[in-house]
Amino acid sequence: MKKARRQGLRYLLAAALIAAVPWSAAKADTYPSRPIRVIVPYPAGGGTDIIGRLISAQLSQHWGQGVIVENKPGASGMLGNDLVAKAPGDGYTVLLGITALVQIPSLYKKVPYRLSDLTPVSQTAKSADLVMVPRSSGIKSLQEFVDKAKAEPGKFNFGSYGNATSSQLNGEQFKMKAGIDLTHVPYQGSGPEMAAMLGGQLASAFVDATGAYPHIKSDKITVLAITGQQRHPALPEVKTMAELGYPGFEANGWFGFFLPASTAQPIVDKLGAELSAIVRQPEISKRLSDMGLIPVGSSPQEFRAVLDKDAAHWKAIVDAARISVE
């Protein structure tokens, strides 16, 4: 009797597992059957918002479904991130996240969600920080800047596009690696930071390439280096930090799409393939390049590898520089 009961339970379990696979596949086949929400956890008009609307418009055209962009700014992006992390895993609530997503867990003591509550779908584009000084300083190389900072400790500063941003973290790491004393001057975004640099109010700055792009040929600045894995297409003569003898700055900034972790993999893969195809369209790729970005269009698996590597990279800097945000 017990043996028969055990066999019956095994049959029921096997049947349930078999049934689950076609169900997920069937959901993916009919997805999307209604409008999709794309959550941008930053204000309207910024770079993340522009990218979200650009890609969402293409997604709507390709799939013949409405794709609605909703801005949910606040708490350094955590409000929007949390909304998607706690949303149903049906594929209809999508997050456009940025690098801060993997930095937040190391910087903030209280985060209302876990990074594991989100699953990567596709990395859209990469960015980098440009290391620059005023042209009026007469400094022409990164080593010359380091030498002057060492000769006059405490005299020089570096601007960032905000506290606890990639720009601050890159600056803090540069101080440690170069053995120099720089005062951090944070701004509310790369726009005000770039204006301060053009106005000669900063001795140096780590400026996001997207924000700096309209001004990189200005005769008021000198670009000394770039973070990330490769030189910028618009500044092929500017070497990376690693090329200049400062390894450890290879992590790029990025923009990418996420879904709740409970989303079925066939839906994740379907959305990922569509987003990747959109980014690789020549006209979309050019639009992203014109913003100073490097188009990517990765698979979920490729994006996962970037997240894992970057989370460890930024945590190491935060720990070494003892940076925290209440």
Protein backbone atom coordinates (compact mmCIF):
# COMPACT_ATOMS: atom_id res chain seq x y z
CA MET A 1 0.00 0.00 0.00
CA LYS A 2 2.79 2.44 0.99
CA LYS A 3 4.78 1.46 -2.11
CA ALA A 4 1.79 2.19 -4.34
CA ARG A 5 1.28 5.52 -2.60
CA ARG A 6 4.94 6.48 -3.13
CA GLN A 7 4.74 5.54 -6.80
CA GLY A 8 1.59 7.62 -7.15
CA LEU A 9 3.33 10.65 -5.65
CA ARG A 10 6.28 10.21 -8.01
CA TYR A 11 3.94 10.09 -11.01
CA LEU A 12 2.17 13.26 -9.85
CA LEU A 13 5.50 15.08 -9.35
CA ALA A 14 6.79 13.97 -12.75
CA ALA A 15 3.55 15.08 -14.40
CA ALA A 16 3.78 18.47 -12.72
CA LEU A 17 7.37 18.98 -13.88
CA ILE A 18 6.53 17.98 -17.44
CA ALA A 19 3.52 20.27 -17.48
CA ALA A 20 5.53 23.23 -16.21
CA VAL A 21 7.85 23.34 -19.22
CA PRO A 22 5.13 23.69 -21.90
CA TRP A 23 3.36 26.26 -19.69
CA SER A 24 6.44 28.52 -19.59
CA ALA A 25 6.99 28.05 -23.30
CA ALA A 26 3.35 28.82 -24.03
CA LYS A 27 3.57 32.01 -21.93
CA ALA A 28 6.64 33.09 -23.90
CA ASP A 29 4.88 32.32 -27.21
CA THR A 30 2.01 34.68 -26.38
CA TYR A 31 4.19 37.31 -24.67
CA PRO A 32 3.55 40.21 -24.83
CA SER A 33 -0.23 40.22 -25.03
CA ARG A 34 -0.73 43.57 -23.28
CA PRO A 35 1.20 46.83 -22.67
CA ILE A 36 4.61 46.73 -20.96
CA ARG A 37 5.81 49.21 -18.34
CA VAL A 38 9.45 50.30 -18.48
CA ILE A 39 10.48 51.83 -15.15
CA VAL A 40 13.22 54.48 -15.31
CA PRO A 41 14.36 55.15 -11.72
CA TYR A 42 15.64 58.63 -12.56
CA PRO A 43 14.03 61.96 -13.59
CA ALA A 44 12.67 62.68 -17.06
CA GLY A 45 15.06 64.33 -19.49
CA GLY A 46 18.26 62.66 -18.26
CA GLY A 47 20.40 60.20 -20.18
CA THR A 48 18.72 57.13 -18.69
CA ASP A 49 15.29 58.52 -19.57
CA ILE A 50 16.33 59.31 -23.15
CA ILE A 51 17.67 55.78 -23.64
CA GLY A 52 14.56 54.25 -22.07
CA ARG A 53 12.24 56.13 -24.41
CA LEU A 54 14.39 55.45 -27.47
CA ILE A 55 14.47 51.68 -26.90
CA SER A 56 10.85 51.49 -25.69
CA ALA A 57 9.56 53.16 -28.86
CA GLN A 58 11.36 50.55 -30.95
CA LEU A 59 10.11 47.71 -28.77
CA SER A 60 6.55 48.92 -29.21
CA GLN A 61 6.95 49.05 -32.99
CA HIS A 62 8.54 45.61 -33.20
CA TRP A 63 5.98 43.87 -31.00
CA GLY A 64 2.86 45.89 -31.84
CA GLN A 65 2.16 46.50 -28.14
CA GLY A 66 2.19 49.62 -26.06
CA VAL A 67 5.39 50.21 -24.09
CA ILE A 68 4.91 52.88 -21.43
CA VAL A 69 7.90 54.60 -19.84
CA GLU A 70 7.36 55.62 -16.21
CA ASN A 71 9.86 57.75 -14.30
CA LYS A 72 10.14 56.72 -10.65
CA PRO A 73 13.05 58.81 -9.27
CA GLY A 74 14.15 58.88 -5.67
CA ALA A 75 16.65 57.44 -3.19
CA SER A 76 19.46 57.18 -5.76
CA GLY A 77 17.29 54.99 -7.98
CA MET A 78 16.23 52.63 -5.21
CA LEU A 79 12.52 53.51 -5.43
CA GLY A 80 12.28 52.44 -9.04
CA ASN A 81 14.56 49.45 -8.55
CA ASP A 82 12.43 48.29 -5.62
CA LEU A 83 9.20 48.66 -7.59
CA VAL A 84 10.43 46.25 -10.27
CA ALA A 85 12.09 43.89 -7.77
CA LYS A 86 8.70 43.40 -6.08
CA ALA A 87 6.60 43.32 -9.27
CA PRO A 88 4.97 40.13 -10.62
CA GLY A 89 7.37 38.07 -12.71
CA ASP A 90 5.19 38.13 -15.81
CA GLY A 91 7.43 40.21 -18.06
CA TYR A 92 5.22 43.30 -18.04
CA THR A 93 7.23 45.41 -15.59
CA VAL A 94 10.77 46.10 -16.83
CA LEU A 95 13.59 48.12 -15.26
CA LEU A 96 16.15 50.20 -17.08
CA GLY A 97 19.00 50.17 -14.58
CA ILE A 98 22.45 51.72 -14.51
CA THR A 99 25.78 50.90 -12.86
CA ALA A 100 24.54 52.23 -9.51
CA LEU A 101 22.41 49.10 -9.21
CA VAL A 102 25.47 46.98 -8.35
CA GLN A 103 27.13 49.73 -6.31
CA ILE A 104 24.19 50.47 -3.99
CA PRO A 105 24.45 47.26 -1.88
CA SER A 106 28.01 48.21 -0.87
CA LEU A 107 27.29 51.90 -0.28
CA TYR A 108 24.00 51.92 1.61
CA LYS A 109 23.22 50.25 4.91
CA LYS A 110 19.52 49.93 4.16
CA VAL A 111 18.38 48.72 0.76
CA PRO A 112 14.71 47.63 0.42
CA TYR A 113 15.50 44.84 -2.04
CA ARG A 114 18.29 42.42 -2.89
CA LEU A 115 20.21 42.49 -6.14
CA SER A 116 19.16 38.85 -6.55
CA ASP A 117 15.53 40.03 -6.72
CA LEU A 118 16.25 41.21 -10.27
CA THR A 119 17.39 39.22 -13.27
CA PRO A 120 19.48 40.76 -16.09
CA VAL A 121 17.96 40.83 -19.56
CA SER A 122 20.31 42.81 -21.81
CA GLN A 123 23.09 45.37 -21.46
CA THR A 124 22.21 48.24 -23.78
CA ALA A 125 25.29 50.44 -23.77
CA LYS A 126 28.55 51.19 -21.98
CA SER A 127 29.96 54.49 -20.81
CA ALA A 128 33.17 55.67 -19.18
CA ASP A 129 34.58 58.59 -17.20
CA LEU A 130 36.95 61.06 -18.80
CA VAL A 131 39.73 62.39 -16.57
CA MET A 132 40.20 66.06 -17.38
CA VAL A 133 41.83 69.28 -16.23
CA PRO A 134 41.38 72.91 -17.29
CA ARG A 135 43.46 73.80 -20.35
CA SER A 136 44.62 76.89 -18.44
CA SER A 137 46.45 74.64 -15.94
CA GLY A 138 49.04 73.82 -18.57
CA ILE A 139 48.96 70.15 -17.54
CA LYS A 140 49.24 67.89 -20.56
CA SER A 141 49.48 64.37 -19.12
CA LEU A 142 48.14 62.25 -16.28
CA GLN A 143 51.65 61.75 -14.88
CA GLU A 144 52.25 65.50 -14.89
CA PHE A 145 49.05 65.97 -12.88
CA VAL A 146 50.14 63.30 -10.39
CA ASP A 147 53.57 64.90 -10.03
CA LYS A 148 52.06 68.33 -9.32
CA ALA A 149 49.54 66.90 -6.84
CA LYS A 150 52.36 65.16 -4.97
CA ALA A 151 54.46 68.33 -4.93
CA GLU A 152 51.59 70.37 -3.47
CA PRO A 153 49.49 68.00 -1.32
CA GLY A 154 46.00 69.23 -0.51
CA LYS A 155 46.00 71.97 -3.15
CA PHE A 156 44.16 70.05 -5.87
CA ASN A 157 40.58 68.75 -6.02
CA PHE A 158 38.55 66.46 -8.23
CA GLY A 159 34.96 66.95 -9.28
CA SER A 160 32.39 64.17 -9.56
CA TYR A 161 28.81 64.01 -10.81
CA GLY A 162 27.60 63.12 -7.32
CA ASN A 163 28.32 61.46 -4.01
CA ALA A 164 28.51 57.65 -4.18
CA THR A 165 28.64 57.65 -7.99
CA SER A 166 31.10 55.87 -10.28
CA SER A 167 32.86 59.18 -10.71
CA GLN A 168 33.53 59.56 -6.99
CA LEU A 169 34.57 55.92 -6.68
CA ASN A 170 36.97 56.27 -9.62
CA GLY A 171 38.40 59.44 -8.09
CA GLU A 172 38.89 57.83 -4.69
CA GLN A 173 40.61 54.85 -6.27
CA PHE A 174 42.85 57.16 -8.28
CA LYS A 175 43.92 58.93 -5.08
CA MET A 176 44.86 55.60 -3.49
CA LYS A 177 46.70 54.20 -6.49
CA ALA A 178 48.58 57.41 -7.28
CA GLY A 179 49.28 58.25 -3.64
CA ILE A 180 47.93 61.79 -3.90
CA ASP A 181 45.67 63.99 -1.79
CA LEU A 182 42.66 65.37 -3.69
CA THR A 183 39.58 67.02 -2.21
CA HIS A 184 36.32 65.59 -3.52
CA VAL A 185 33.83 68.15 -4.90
CA PRO A 186 30.48 66.52 -5.76
CA TYR A 187 27.91 68.01 -8.15
CA GLN A 188 24.29 67.14 -8.86
CA GLY A 189 24.93 65.44 -12.19
CA SER A 190 27.48 65.60 -14.98
CA GLY A 191 25.92 68.76 -16.46
CA PRO A 192 26.75 71.03 -13.49
CA GLU A 193 30.09 69.26 -13.06
CA MET A 194 31.01 69.90 -16.68
CA ALA A 195 29.96 73.54 -16.37
CA ALA A 196 32.25 73.92 -13.34
CA MET A 197 35.14 72.40 -15.27
CA LEU A 198 34.56 74.70 -18.26
CA GLY A 199 34.38 77.63 -15.87
CA GLY A 200 37.76 76.78 -14.35
CA GLN A 201 36.31 76.01 -10.93
CA LEU A 202 37.89 72.55 -10.68
CA ALA A 203 41.49 71.38 -10.75
CA SER A 204 40.44 68.03 -12.18
CA ALA A 205 37.34 65.92 -12.71
CA PHE A 206 36.04 62.49 -13.59
CA VAL A 207 33.23 63.37 -16.00
CA ASP A 208 30.86 60.87 -17.58
CA ALA A 209 31.58 60.64 -21.31
CA THR A 210 27.90 61.17 -22.11
CA GLY A 211 27.77 64.46 -20.23
CA ALA A 212 31.15 65.55 -21.55
CA TYR A 213 30.51 64.52 -25.17
CA PRO A 214 29.30 67.91 -26.47
CA HIS A 215 32.39 69.58 -24.96
CA ILE A 216 35.22 67.10 -25.46
CA LYS A 217 36.73 69.20 -28.26
CA SER A 218 36.52 72.39 -26.20
CA ASP A 219 39.68 74.50 -25.98
CA LYS A 220 38.96 75.03 -22.26
CA ILE A 221 39.74 71.46 -21.18
CA THR A 222 42.43 68.83 -21.61
CA VAL A 223 41.37 65.17 -21.42
CA LEU A 224 44.15 63.17 -19.78
CA ALA A 225 42.73 59.63 -19.66
CA ILE A 226 39.61 57.51 -19.83
CA THR A 227 38.31 54.75 -17.59
CA GLY A 228 36.92 51.50 -18.98
CA GLN A 229 38.28 48.78 -21.19
CA GLN A 230 38.85 50.72 -24.38
CA ARG A 231 39.57 54.16 -25.77
CA HIS A 232 36.64 56.37 -26.72
CA PRO A 233 35.82 56.37 -30.47
CA ALA A 234 35.60 60.19 -30.46
CA LEU A 235 38.97 60.51 -28.65
CA PRO A 236 41.13 57.71 -30.07
CA GLU A 237 44.30 59.50 -28.96
CA VAL A 238 43.29 59.50 -25.26
CA LYS A 239 44.71 56.44 -23.49
CA THR A 240 42.92 54.35 -20.88
CA MET A 241 43.99 54.50 -17.25
CA ALA A 242 45.43 51.00 -17.60
CA GLU A 243 47.53 52.04 -20.59
CA LEU A 244 48.91 54.90 -18.50
CA GLY A 245 50.02 52.59 -15.71
CA TYR A 246 46.94 52.62 -13.49
CA PRO A 247 45.13 49.28 -13.77
CA GLY A 248 41.88 48.73 -11.90
CA PHE A 249 39.73 51.21 -13.79
CA GLU A 250 38.50 48.75 -16.42
CA ALA A 251 34.90 48.62 -15.23
CA ASN A 252 32.62 50.57 -17.56
CA GLY A 253 29.49 52.41 -16.62
CA TRP A 254 26.45 50.83 -18.25
CA PHE A 255 22.72 50.95 -18.97
CA GLY A 256 20.73 47.72 -19.09
CA PHE A 257 17.32 46.12 -18.73
CA PHE A 258 16.12 43.89 -15.89
CA LEU A 259 13.05 41.86 -14.92
CA PRO A 260 11.89 40.52 -11.56
CA ALA A 261 13.86 37.40 -10.63
CA SER A 262 10.69 35.30 -10.63
CA THR A 263 10.23 35.81 -14.40
CA ALA A 264 10.27 32.58 -16.44
CA GLN A 265 13.52 32.18 -18.40
CA PRO A 266 11.78 31.85 -21.82
CA ILE A 267 10.32 35.34 -21.31
CA VAL A 268 13.69 36.72 -20.17
CA ASP A 269 15.33 35.23 -23.26
CA LYS A 270 12.64 36.50 -25.62
CA LEU A 271 12.84 40.07 -24.32
CA GLY A 272 16.64 39.90 -24.25
CA ALA A 273 16.83 38.80 -27.88
CA GLU A 274 14.49 41.61 -28.95
CA LEU A 275 16.38 44.29 -27.02
CA SER A 276 19.68 43.06 -28.39
CA ALA A 277 18.33 43.20 -31.96
CA ILE A 278 17.04 46.75 -31.41
CA VAL A 279 20.39 48.04 -30.13
CA ARG A 280 22.19 46.50 -33.11
CA GLN A 281 20.02 48.35 -35.62
CA PRO A 282 22.32 50.85 -37.39
CA GLU A 283 20.11 53.85 -36.65
CA ILE A 284 19.75 52.99 -32.95
CA SER A 285 23.42 52.17 -32.62
CA LYS A 286 24.25 55.56 -34.14
CA ARG A 287 21.86 57.37 -31.77
CA LEU A 288 23.60 55.77 -28.79
CA SER A 289 27.04 56.56 -30.20
CA ASP A 290 26.00 60.17 -30.75
CA MET A 291 25.27 60.32 -27.01
CA GLY A 292 28.88 59.37 -26.30
CA LEU A 293 27.99 55.75 -25.50
CA ILE A 294 29.29 52.42 -26.78
CA PRO A 295 26.34 50.25 -27.96
CA VAL A 296 26.32 46.66 -26.67
CA GLY A 297 23.12 44.61 -26.99
CA SER A 298 24.15 41.57 -24.91
CA SER A 299 22.41 38.35 -23.98
CA PRO A 300 21.11 37.77 -20.42
CA GLN A 301 24.04 35.45 -19.73
CA GLU A 302 26.62 37.96 -20.95
CA PHE A 303 25.04 40.71 -18.88
CA ARG A 304 25.04 38.46 -15.80
CA ALA A 305 28.80 38.02 -16.12
CA VAL A 306 29.26 41.81 -16.24
CA LEU A 307 27.14 42.27 -13.10
CA ASP A 308 29.02 39.67 -11.11
CA LYS A 309 32.39 41.12 -12.05
CA ASP A 310 31.35 44.75 -11.50
CA ALA A 311 29.71 44.13 -8.12
CA ALA A 312 32.99 42.74 -6.78
CA HIS A 313 35.01 45.53 -8.38
CA TRP A 314 33.01 48.41 -6.90
CA LYS A 315 32.71 46.75 -3.48
CA ALA A 316 36.49 46.51 -3.25
CA ILE A 317 36.82 50.26 -3.89
CA VAL A 318 34.06 51.16 -1.43
CA ASP A 319 35.65 49.03 1.28
CA ALA A 320 39.17 50.33 0.66
CA ALA A 321 38.08 53.99 0.60
CA ARG A 322 35.63 53.43 3.48
CA ILE A 323 32.77 55.14 1.68
CA SER A 324 29.25 54.82 3.06
CA VAL A 325 25.93 56.61 2.62
CA GLU A 326 23.30 56.83 5.34
